[in-house]
Amino acid sequence: MQVLVTDAQPKDAFVAVQYHERWFWIADADIQSKYTFGIIILLFSIADTGVKGAAPVATIPANQ
């Protein structure tokens, strides 16, 4: 997978993200990198179990 880095926002990006004033992106014409990125996204979605932690319980003292 080839991730490109530029200072300016790319024009022909399949996916791009700005991080610390630089742009990291995959070119739209790069079929192999797009395929690899898709597999990674698929693996992350399979790994996401959707289990959330229990919400905290707040107790309020009542008049005794």
C-alpha atoms as a PDB file:
ATOM      1  CA  MET A   1       0.000   0.000   0.000  1.00  0.00           C
ATOM      2  CA  GLN A   2       1.449   3.352  -1.021  1.00  0.00           C
ATOM      3  CA  VAL A   3       0.458   6.350   1.109  1.00  0.00           C
ATOM      4  CA  LEU A   4       1.534   9.665  -0.367  1.00  0.00           C
ATOM      5  CA  VAL A   5       2.372  12.811   1.649  1.00  0.00           C
ATOM      6  CA  THR A   6       2.039  16.420   0.500  1.00  0.00           C
ATOM      7  CA  ASP A   7       1.717  19.865   2.031  1.00  0.00           C
ATOM      8  CA  ALA A   8      -1.237  20.828  -0.198  1.00  0.00           C
ATOM      9  CA  GLN A   9      -4.601  19.074  -0.338  1.00  0.00           C
ATOM     10  CA  PRO A  10      -4.516  16.439  -3.111  1.00  0.00           C
ATOM     11  CA  LYS A  11      -6.879  16.738  -6.078  1.00  0.00           C
ATOM     12  CA  ASP A  12      -7.019  13.083  -7.189  1.00  0.00           C
ATOM     13  CA  ALA A  13      -7.279  11.294  -3.841  1.00  0.00           C
ATOM     14  CA  PHE A  14      -9.300   8.150  -3.154  1.00  0.00           C
ATOM     15  CA  VAL A  15      -8.983   8.918   0.558  1.00  0.00           C
ATOM     16  CA  ALA A  16      -7.110  11.755   2.273  1.00  0.00           C
ATOM     17  CA  VAL A  17      -6.570  12.982   5.801  1.00  0.00           C
ATOM     18  CA  GLN A  18      -4.822  16.062   7.118  1.00  0.00           C
ATOM     19  CA  TYR A  19      -2.561  15.492  10.120  1.00  0.00           C
ATOM     20  CA  HIS A  20      -0.173  18.074  11.581  1.00  0.00           C
ATOM     21  CA  GLU A  21      -0.540  20.383   8.555  1.00  0.00           C
ATOM     22  CA  ARG A  22       0.381  17.629   6.057  1.00  0.00           C
ATOM     23  CA  TRP A  23      -1.896  15.564   3.808  1.00  0.00           C
ATOM     24  CA  PHE A  24      -1.670  11.761   3.759  1.00  0.00           C
ATOM     25  CA  TRP A  25      -3.537  10.167   0.878  1.00  0.00           C
ATOM     26  CA  ILE A  26      -4.043   7.277  -1.505  1.00  0.00           C
ATOM     27  CA  ALA A  27      -4.245   8.123  -5.203  1.00  0.00           C
ATOM     28  CA  ASP A  28      -7.528   7.319  -6.927  1.00  0.00           C
ATOM     29  CA  ALA A  29      -5.658   5.617  -9.792  1.00  0.00           C
ATOM     30  CA  ASP A  30      -3.721   3.279  -7.428  1.00  0.00           C
ATOM     31  CA  ILE A  31      -5.899   0.146  -7.628  1.00  0.00           C
ATOM     32  CA  GLN A  32      -3.638  -2.049  -5.446  1.00  0.00           C
ATOM     33  CA  SER A  33      -3.538   0.485  -2.589  1.00  0.00           C
ATOM     34  CA  LYS A  34      -7.301   1.011  -2.818  1.00  0.00           C
ATOM     35  CA  TYR A  35      -7.842  -2.757  -2.607  1.00  0.00           C
ATOM     36  CA  THR A  36      -5.484  -3.074   0.379  1.00  0.00           C
ATOM     37  CA  PHE A  37      -7.169  -0.137   2.146  1.00  0.00           C
ATOM     38  CA  GLY A  38     -10.555  -1.793   1.590  1.00  0.00           C
ATOM     39  CA  ILE A  39      -9.318  -5.044   3.150  1.00  0.00           C
ATOM     40  CA  ILE A  40      -8.009  -3.137   6.180  1.00  0.00           C
ATOM     41  CA  ILE A  41     -11.366  -1.385   6.623  1.00  0.00           C
ATOM     42  CA  LEU A  42     -13.130  -4.760   6.335  1.00  0.00           C
ATOM     43  CA  LEU A  43     -10.884  -6.294   9.007  1.00  0.00           C
ATOM     44  CA  PHE A  44     -11.516  -3.367  11.359  1.00  0.00           C
ATOM     45  CA  SER A  45     -15.283  -3.702  10.880  1.00  0.00           C
ATOM     46  CA  ILE A  46     -15.106  -7.440  11.631  1.00  0.00           C
ATOM     47  CA  ALA A  47     -13.009  -6.781  14.752  1.00  0.00           C
ATOM     48  CA  ASP A  48     -15.493  -4.206  16.044  1.00  0.00           C
ATOM     49  CA  THR A  49     -17.635  -6.218  18.464  1.00  0.00           C
ATOM     50  CA  GLY A  50     -19.957  -3.368  19.270  1.00  0.00           C
ATOM     51  CA  VAL A  51     -19.689  -4.122  22.990  1.00  0.00           C
ATOM     52  CA  LYS A  52     -19.848  -0.942  24.969  1.00  0.00           C
ATOM     53  CA  GLY A  53     -18.737  -0.521  28.557  1.00  0.00           C
ATOM     54  CA  ALA A  54     -21.374  -0.297  31.250  1.00  0.00           C
ATOM     55  CA  ALA A  55     -22.574   3.206  32.011  1.00  0.00           C
ATOM     56  CA  PRO A  56     -21.626   4.555  35.428  1.00  0.00           C
ATOM     57  CA  VAL A  57     -24.289   4.331  38.112  1.00  0.00           C
ATOM     58  CA  ALA A  58     -25.044   7.507  40.016  1.00  0.00           C
ATOM     59  CA  THR A  59     -26.462   7.148  43.505  1.00  0.00           C
ATOM     60  CA  ILE A  60     -28.295   9.974  45.188  1.00  0.00           C
ATOM     61  CA  PRO A  61     -28.697   9.792  48.958  1.00  0.00           C
ATOM     62  CA  ALA A  62     -32.331   9.935  50.110  1.00  0.00           C
ATOM     63  CA  ASN A  63     -33.566  11.543  53.324  1.00  0.00           C
ATOM     64  CA  GLN A  64     -33.185   9.020  56.097  1.00  0.00           C
END
